[in-house]
Amino acid sequence: GMIVKDKAKAEEILSDIGYYRLGFYWAPL
């Protein structure tokens, strides 16, 4: 159910930060 408007930018961010670490920040959503 998450909205990902810019997939290319999302790929860049996930490559940089990582799925697991960023997961702590989408948890409140």
PDB file of all heavy atoms in Angstrom:
ATOM      1  N   GLY A   1       0.767  -1.233   0.000  1.00  0.00           N
ATOM      2  CA  GLY A   1       0.000   0.000   0.000  1.00  0.00           C
ATOM      3  C   GLY A   1       0.794   1.276   0.000  1.00  0.00           C
ATOM      4  O   GLY A   1       0.212   2.369   0.085  1.00  0.00           O
ATOM      5  N   MET A   2       2.127   1.195  -0.093  1.00  0.00           N
ATOM      6  CA  MET A   2       2.922   2.413  -0.096  1.00  0.00           C
ATOM      7  C   MET A   2       2.939   3.035  -1.497  1.00  0.00           C
ATOM      8  O   MET A   2       3.027   2.333  -2.507  1.00  0.00           O
ATOM      9  CB  MET A   2       4.362   2.134   0.360  1.00  0.00           C
ATOM     10  CG  MET A   2       5.268   3.365   0.300  1.00  0.00           C
ATOM     11  SD  MET A   2       6.925   3.062   0.964  1.00  0.00           S
ATOM     12  CE  MET A   2       6.604   3.281   2.722  1.00  0.00           C
ATOM     13  N   ILE A   3       2.898   4.359  -1.541  1.00  0.00           N
ATOM     14  CA  ILE A   3       2.969   5.091  -2.796  1.00  0.00           C
ATOM     15  C   ILE A   3       4.425   5.446  -3.076  1.00  0.00           C
ATOM     16  O   ILE A   3       5.080   6.118  -2.270  1.00  0.00           O
ATOM     17  CB  ILE A   3       2.117   6.376  -2.736  1.00  0.00           C
ATOM     18  CG1 ILE A   3       0.648   6.034  -2.464  1.00  0.00           C
ATOM     19  CG2 ILE A   3       2.260   7.175  -4.029  1.00  0.00           C
ATOM     20  CD1 ILE A   3      -0.188   7.244  -2.081  1.00  0.00           C
ATOM     21  N   VAL A   4       4.942   4.965  -4.203  1.00  0.00           N
ATOM     22  CA  VAL A   4       6.315   5.265  -4.607  1.00  0.00           C
ATOM     23  C   VAL A   4       6.231   6.061  -5.906  1.00  0.00           C
ATOM     24  O   VAL A   4       6.071   5.496  -6.989  1.00  0.00           O
ATOM     25  CB  VAL A   4       7.153   3.987  -4.803  1.00  0.00           C
ATOM     26  CG1 VAL A   4       8.603   4.341  -5.118  1.00  0.00           C
ATOM     27  CG2 VAL A   4       7.085   3.096  -3.555  1.00  0.00           C
ATOM     28  N   LYS A   5       6.329   7.370  -5.807  1.00  0.00           N
ATOM     29  CA  LYS A   5       6.112   8.242  -6.975  1.00  0.00           C
ATOM     30  C   LYS A   5       7.285   8.209  -7.959  1.00  0.00           C
ATOM     31  O   LYS A   5       7.089   8.244  -9.168  1.00  0.00           O
ATOM     32  CB  LYS A   5       5.861   9.676  -6.503  1.00  0.00           C
ATOM     33  CG  LYS A   5       4.541   9.856  -5.758  1.00  0.00           C
ATOM     34  CD  LYS A   5       4.352  11.312  -5.346  1.00  0.00           C
ATOM     35  CE  LYS A   5       3.008  11.519  -4.669  1.00  0.00           C
ATOM     36  NZ  LYS A   5       2.814  12.922  -4.225  1.00  0.00           N
ATOM     37  N   ASP A   6       8.495   8.170  -7.428  1.00  0.00           N
ATOM     38  CA  ASP A   6       9.690   8.208  -8.282  1.00  0.00           C
ATOM     39  C   ASP A   6      10.507   6.947  -8.008  1.00  0.00           C
ATOM     40  O   ASP A   6      11.314   6.906  -7.077  1.00  0.00           O
ATOM     41  CB  ASP A   6      10.500   9.471  -7.974  1.00  0.00           C
ATOM     42  CG  ASP A   6      11.672   9.681  -8.926  1.00  0.00           C
ATOM     43  OD1 ASP A   6      12.110   8.707  -9.559  1.00  0.00           O
ATOM     44  OD2 ASP A   6      12.148  10.829  -9.016  1.00  0.00           O
ATOM     45  N   LYS A   7      10.311   5.933  -8.834  1.00  0.00           N
ATOM     46  CA  LYS A   7      10.963   4.645  -8.591  1.00  0.00           C
ATOM     47  C   LYS A   7      12.477   4.725  -8.763  1.00  0.00           C
ATOM     48  O   LYS A   7      13.233   4.074  -8.028  1.00  0.00           O
ATOM     49  CB  LYS A   7      10.370   3.570  -9.497  1.00  0.00           C
ATOM     50  CG  LYS A   7       8.956   3.153  -9.103  1.00  0.00           C
ATOM     51  CD  LYS A   7       8.483   1.981  -9.945  1.00  0.00           C
ATOM     52  CE  LYS A   7       7.130   1.468  -9.468  1.00  0.00           C
ATOM     53  NZ  LYS A   7       6.074   2.500  -9.484  1.00  0.00           N
ATOM     54  N   ALA A   8      12.933   5.533  -9.703  1.00  0.00           N
ATOM     55  CA  ALA A   8      14.373   5.663  -9.903  1.00  0.00           C
ATOM     56  C   ALA A   8      15.038   6.269  -8.664  1.00  0.00           C
ATOM     57  O   ALA A   8      16.101   5.816  -8.224  1.00  0.00           O
ATOM     58  CB  ALA A   8      14.656   6.523 -11.135  1.00  0.00           C
ATOM     59  N   LYS A   9      14.399   7.296  -8.094  1.00  0.00           N
ATOM     60  CA  LYS A   9      14.943   7.915  -6.877  1.00  0.00           C
ATOM     61  C   LYS A   9      14.849   6.948  -5.706  1.00  0.00           C
ATOM     62  O   LYS A   9      15.766   6.885  -4.875  1.00  0.00           O
ATOM     63  CB  LYS A   9      14.158   9.196  -6.567  1.00  0.00           C
ATOM     64  CG  LYS A   9      14.729   9.996  -5.396  1.00  0.00           C
ATOM     65  CD  LYS A   9      16.131  10.493  -5.691  1.00  0.00           C
ATOM     66  CE  LYS A   9      16.669  11.357  -4.557  1.00  0.00           C
ATOM     67  NZ  LYS A   9      18.067  11.796  -4.808  1.00  0.00           N
ATOM     68  N   ALA A  10      13.766   6.180  -5.632  1.00  0.00           N
ATOM     69  CA  ALA A  10      13.611   5.200  -4.559  1.00  0.00           C
ATOM     70  C   ALA A  10      14.708   4.139  -4.630  1.00  0.00           C
ATOM     71  O   ALA A  10      15.254   3.715  -3.604  1.00  0.00           O
ATOM     72  CB  ALA A  10      12.236   4.549  -4.634  1.00  0.00           C
ATOM     73  N   GLU A  11      15.051   3.718  -5.852  1.00  0.00           N
ATOM     74  CA  GLU A  11      16.133   2.745  -6.029  1.00  0.00           C
ATOM     75  C   GLU A  11      17.460   3.322  -5.524  1.00  0.00           C
ATOM     76  O   GLU A  11      18.240   2.645  -4.857  1.00  0.00           O
ATOM     77  CB  GLU A  11      16.254   2.352  -7.503  1.00  0.00           C
ATOM     78  CG  GLU A  11      15.126   1.460  -8.004  1.00  0.00           C
ATOM     79  CD  GLU A  11      15.331   1.043  -9.448  1.00  0.00           C
ATOM     80  OE1 GLU A  11      16.452   1.252  -9.977  1.00  0.00           O
ATOM     81  OE2 GLU A  11      14.379   0.505 -10.056  1.00  0.00           O
ATOM     82  N   GLU A  12      17.704   4.585  -5.852  1.00  0.00           N
ATOM     83  CA  GLU A  12      18.933   5.257  -5.401  1.00  0.00           C
ATOM     84  C   GLU A  12      18.997   5.312  -3.884  1.00  0.00           C
ATOM     85  O   GLU A  12      20.048   5.042  -3.278  1.00  0.00           O
ATOM     86  CB  GLU A  12      18.963   6.666  -5.993  1.00  0.00           C
ATOM     87  CG  GLU A  12      20.149   7.504  -5.559  1.00  0.00           C
ATOM     88  CD  GLU A  12      20.034   8.937  -6.037  1.00  0.00           C
ATOM     89  OE1 GLU A  12      19.667   9.160  -7.200  1.00  0.00           O
ATOM     90  OE2 GLU A  12      20.302   9.849  -5.220  1.00  0.00           O
ATOM     91  N   ILE A  13      17.885   5.663  -3.255  1.00  0.00           N
ATOM     92  CA  ILE A  13      17.850   5.791  -1.793  1.00  0.00           C
ATOM     93  C   ILE A  13      18.005   4.435  -1.109  1.00  0.00           C
ATOM     94  O   ILE A  13      18.754   4.300  -0.132  1.00  0.00           O
ATOM     95  CB  ILE A  13      16.538   6.483  -1.364  1.00  0.00           C
ATOM     96  CG1 ILE A  13      16.575   7.954  -1.787  1.00  0.00           C
ATOM     97  CG2 ILE A  13      16.320   6.371   0.146  1.00  0.00           C
ATOM     98  CD1 ILE A  13      15.245   8.669  -1.681  1.00  0.00           C
ATOM     99  N   LEU A  14      17.327   3.421  -1.620  1.00  0.00           N
ATOM    100  CA  LEU A  14      17.443   2.086  -1.033  1.00  0.00           C
ATOM    101  C   LEU A  14      18.856   1.533  -1.203  1.00  0.00           C
ATOM    102  O   LEU A  14      19.355   0.806  -0.340  1.00  0.00           O
ATOM    103  CB  LEU A  14      16.412   1.146  -1.648  1.00  0.00           C
ATOM    104  CG  LEU A  14      14.967   1.384  -1.194  1.00  0.00           C
ATOM    105  CD1 LEU A  14      13.995   0.614  -2.083  1.00  0.00           C
ATOM    106  CD2 LEU A  14      14.776   0.981   0.263  1.00  0.00           C
ATOM    107  N   SER A  15      19.510   1.882  -2.306  1.00  0.00           N
ATOM    108  CA  SER A  15      20.896   1.456  -2.510  1.00  0.00           C
ATOM    109  C   SER A  15      21.839   2.145  -1.529  1.00  0.00           C
ATOM    110  O   SER A  15      22.862   1.592  -1.139  1.00  0.00           O
ATOM    111  CB  SER A  15      21.342   1.791  -3.941  1.00  0.00           C
ATOM    112  OG  SER A  15      20.601   1.068  -4.886  1.00  0.00           O
ATOM    113  N   ASP A  16      21.466   3.347  -1.124  1.00  0.00           N
ATOM    114  CA  ASP A  16      22.304   4.143  -0.226  1.00  0.00           C
ATOM    115  C   ASP A  16      22.035   3.809   1.240  1.00  0.00           C
ATOM    116  O   ASP A  16      22.959   3.488   2.006  1.00  0.00           O
ATOM    117  CB  ASP A  16      22.028   5.624  -0.486  1.00  0.00           C
ATOM    118  CG  ASP A  16      22.793   6.543   0.451  1.00  0.00           C
ATOM    119  OD1 ASP A  16      23.909   6.183   0.853  1.00  0.00           O
ATOM    120  OD2 ASP A  16      22.266   7.621   0.786  1.00  0.00           O
ATOM    121  N   ILE A  17      20.782   3.851   1.651  1.00  0.00           N
ATOM    122  CA  ILE A  17      20.413   3.692   3.059  1.00  0.00           C
ATOM    123  C   ILE A  17      20.160   2.233   3.423  1.00  0.00           C
ATOM    124  O   ILE A  17      20.547   1.773   4.496  1.00  0.00           O
ATOM    125  CB  ILE A  17      19.171   4.546   3.386  1.00  0.00           C
ATOM    126  CG1 ILE A  17      19.468   6.029   3.113  1.00  0.00           C
ATOM    127  CG2 ILE A  17      18.736   4.351   4.837  1.00  0.00           C
ATOM    128  CD1 ILE A  17      18.258   6.933   3.210  1.00  0.00           C
ATOM    129  N   GLY A  18      19.495   1.521   2.547  1.00  0.00           N
ATOM    130  CA  GLY A  18      19.181   0.113   2.816  1.00  0.00           C
ATOM    131  C   GLY A  18      17.734  -0.072   3.252  1.00  0.00           C
ATOM    132  O   GLY A  18      17.169   0.749   3.970  1.00  0.00           O
ATOM    133  N   TYR A  19      17.154  -1.155   2.807  1.00  0.00           N
ATOM    134  CA  TYR A  19      15.747  -1.463   3.080  1.00  0.00           C
ATOM    135  C   TYR A  19      15.493  -1.630   4.581  1.00  0.00           C
ATOM    136  O   TYR A  19      14.537  -1.096   5.127  1.00  0.00           O
ATOM    137  CB  TYR A  19      15.379  -2.745   2.327  1.00  0.00           C
ATOM    138  CG  TYR A  19      13.932  -3.172   2.434  1.00  0.00           C
ATOM    139  CD1 TYR A  19      12.986  -2.743   1.502  1.00  0.00           C
ATOM    140  CD2 TYR A  19      13.501  -4.042   3.443  1.00  0.00           C
ATOM    141  CE1 TYR A  19      11.657  -3.141   1.568  1.00  0.00           C
ATOM    142  CE2 TYR A  19      12.183  -4.444   3.532  1.00  0.00           C
ATOM    143  CZ  TYR A  19      11.266  -3.999   2.597  1.00  0.00           C
ATOM    144  OH  TYR A  19       9.959  -4.403   2.684  1.00  0.00           O
ATOM    145  N   TYR A  20      16.356  -2.370   5.255  1.00  0.00           N
ATOM    146  CA  TYR A  20      16.136  -2.657   6.675  1.00  0.00           C
ATOM    147  C   TYR A  20      16.194  -1.384   7.515  1.00  0.00           C
ATOM    148  O   TYR A  20      15.317  -1.122   8.334  1.00  0.00           O
ATOM    149  CB  TYR A  20      17.159  -3.666   7.184  1.00  0.00           C
ATOM    150  CG  TYR A  20      16.987  -4.018   8.640  1.00  0.00           C
ATOM    151  CD1 TYR A  20      15.986  -4.888   9.058  1.00  0.00           C
ATOM    152  CD2 TYR A  20      17.822  -3.459   9.611  1.00  0.00           C
ATOM    153  CE1 TYR A  20      15.816  -5.204  10.403  1.00  0.00           C
ATOM    154  CE2 TYR A  20      17.652  -3.762  10.956  1.00  0.00           C
ATOM    155  CZ  TYR A  20      16.650  -4.629  11.340  1.00  0.00           C
ATOM    156  OH  TYR A  20      16.490  -4.933  12.667  1.00  0.00           O
ATOM    157  N   ARG A  21      17.243  -0.572   7.316  1.00  0.00           N
ATOM    158  CA  ARG A  21      17.389   0.662   8.108  1.00  0.00           C
ATOM    159  C   ARG A  21      16.235   1.628   7.840  1.00  0.00           C
ATOM    160  O   ARG A  21      15.674   2.214   8.764  1.00  0.00           O
ATOM    161  CB  ARG A  21      18.720   1.344   7.799  1.00  0.00           C
ATOM    162  CG  ARG A  21      18.958   2.640   8.568  1.00  0.00           C
ATOM    163  CD  ARG A  21      20.278   3.266   8.197  1.00  0.00           C
ATOM    164  NE  ARG A  21      21.390   2.490   8.727  1.00  0.00           N
ATOM    165  CZ  ARG A  21      21.962   2.712   9.914  1.00  0.00           C
ATOM    166  NH1 ARG A  21      21.518   3.683  10.691  1.00  0.00           N
ATOM    167  NH2 ARG A  21      22.967   1.980  10.321  1.00  0.00           N
ATOM    168  N   LEU A  22      15.872   1.782   6.582  1.00  0.00           N
ATOM    169  CA  LEU A  22      14.792   2.707   6.254  1.00  0.00           C
ATOM    170  C   LEU A  22      13.453   2.208   6.789  1.00  0.00           C
ATOM    171  O   LEU A  22      12.535   3.001   7.030  1.00  0.00           O
ATOM    172  CB  LEU A  22      14.717   2.911   4.739  1.00  0.00           C
ATOM    173  CG  LEU A  22      13.979   4.151   4.235  1.00  0.00           C
ATOM    174  CD1 LEU A  22      14.542   5.421   4.857  1.00  0.00           C
ATOM    175  CD2 LEU A  22      14.041   4.233   2.715  1.00  0.00           C
ATOM    176  N   GLY A  23      13.365   0.900   7.020  1.00  0.00           N
ATOM    177  CA  GLY A  23      12.132   0.322   7.557  1.00  0.00           C
ATOM    178  C   GLY A  23      11.721   0.884   8.902  1.00  0.00           C
ATOM    179  O   GLY A  23      10.535   0.926   9.239  1.00  0.00           O
ATOM    180  N   PHE A  24      12.696   1.354   9.686  1.00  0.00           N
ATOM    181  CA  PHE A  24      12.370   1.960  10.974  1.00  0.00           C
ATOM    182  C   PHE A  24      11.601   3.272  10.782  1.00  0.00           C
ATOM    183  O   PHE A  24      10.898   3.721  11.684  1.00  0.00           O
ATOM    184  CB  PHE A  24      13.641   2.231  11.782  1.00  0.00           C
ATOM    185  CG  PHE A  24      14.329   0.985  12.253  1.00  0.00           C
ATOM    186  CD1 PHE A  24      15.507   0.557  11.649  1.00  0.00           C
ATOM    187  CD2 PHE A  24      13.802   0.228  13.279  1.00  0.00           C
ATOM    188  CE1 PHE A  24      16.145  -0.594  12.077  1.00  0.00           C
ATOM    189  CE2 PHE A  24      14.429  -0.935  13.718  1.00  0.00           C
ATOM    190  CZ  PHE A  24      15.613  -1.346  13.110  1.00  0.00           C
ATOM    191  N   TYR A  25      11.755   3.866   9.611  1.00  0.00           N
ATOM    192  CA  TYR A  25      11.159   5.172   9.346  1.00  0.00           C
ATOM    193  C   TYR A  25       9.859   5.097   8.561  1.00  0.00           C
ATOM    194  O   TYR A  25       9.111   6.079   8.527  1.00  0.00           O
ATOM    195  CB  TYR A  25      12.193   6.067   8.649  1.00  0.00           C
ATOM    196  CG  TYR A  25      13.410   6.245   9.515  1.00  0.00           C
ATOM    197  CD1 TYR A  25      14.528   5.440   9.336  1.00  0.00           C
ATOM    198  CD2 TYR A  25      13.410   7.153  10.560  1.00  0.00           C
ATOM    199  CE1 TYR A  25      15.639   5.568  10.168  1.00  0.00           C
ATOM    200  CE2 TYR A  25      14.511   7.284  11.401  1.00  0.00           C
ATOM    201  CZ  TYR A  25      15.616   6.481  11.201  1.00  0.00           C
ATOM    202  OH  TYR A  25      16.692   6.595  12.045  1.00  0.00           O
ATOM    203  N   TRP A  26       9.577   3.961   7.939  1.00  0.00           N
ATOM    204  CA  TRP A  26       8.235   3.827   7.363  1.00  0.00           C
ATOM    205  C   TRP A  26       7.304   3.062   8.288  1.00  0.00           C
ATOM    206  O   TRP A  26       6.117   2.987   8.062  1.00  0.00           O
ATOM    207  CB  TRP A  26       8.253   3.217   5.968  1.00  0.00           C
ATOM    208  CG  TRP A  26       8.769   1.823   5.794  1.00  0.00           C
ATOM    209  CD1 TRP A  26       8.329   0.681   6.402  1.00  0.00           C
ATOM    210  CD2 TRP A  26       9.810   1.413   4.898  1.00  0.00           C
ATOM    211  NE1 TRP A  26       9.023  -0.404   5.963  1.00  0.00           N
ATOM    212  CE2 TRP A  26       9.939   0.014   5.019  1.00  0.00           C
ATOM    213  CE3 TRP A  26      10.621   2.077   3.993  1.00  0.00           C
ATOM    214  CZ2 TRP A  26      10.864  -0.724   4.295  1.00  0.00           C
ATOM    215  CZ3 TRP A  26      11.539   1.330   3.270  1.00  0.00           C
ATOM    216  CH2 TRP A  26      11.652  -0.041   3.420  1.00  0.00           C
ATOM    217  N   ALA A  27       7.845   2.546   9.390  1.00  0.00           N
ATOM    218  CA  ALA A  27       7.002   1.847  10.362  1.00  0.00           C
ATOM    219  C   ALA A  27       5.827   2.693  10.851  1.00  0.00           C
ATOM    220  O   ALA A  27       4.700   2.190  10.956  1.00  0.00           O
ATOM    221  CB  ALA A  27       7.840   1.360  11.538  1.00  0.00           C
ATOM    222  N   PRO A  28       6.017   4.011  11.164  1.00  0.00           N
ATOM    223  CA  PRO A  28       4.880   4.812  11.636  1.00  0.00           C
ATOM    224  C   PRO A  28       3.781   4.978  10.590  1.00  0.00           C
ATOM    225  O   PRO A  28       2.672   5.409  10.930  1.00  0.00           O
ATOM    226  CB  PRO A  28       5.514   6.173  11.958  1.00  0.00           C
ATOM    227  CG  PRO A  28       6.945   5.886  12.180  1.00  0.00           C
ATOM    228  CD  PRO A  28       7.277   4.767  11.247  1.00  0.00           C
ATOM    229  N   LEU A  29       4.078   4.645   9.353  1.00  0.00           N
ATOM    230  CA  LEU A  29       3.084   4.759   8.289  1.00  0.00           C
ATOM    231  C   LEU A  29       2.241   3.492   8.156  1.00  0.00           C
ATOM    232  O   LEU A  29       1.296   3.454   7.371  1.00  0.00           O
ATOM    233  CB  LEU A  29       3.781   5.037   6.948  1.00  0.00           C
ATOM    234  CG  LEU A  29       4.738   6.238   6.908  1.00  0.00           C
ATOM    235  CD1 LEU A  29       5.415   6.332   5.546  1.00  0.00           C
ATOM    236  CD2 LEU A  29       3.986   7.524   7.222  1.00  0.00           C
TER     237      LEU A  29
END
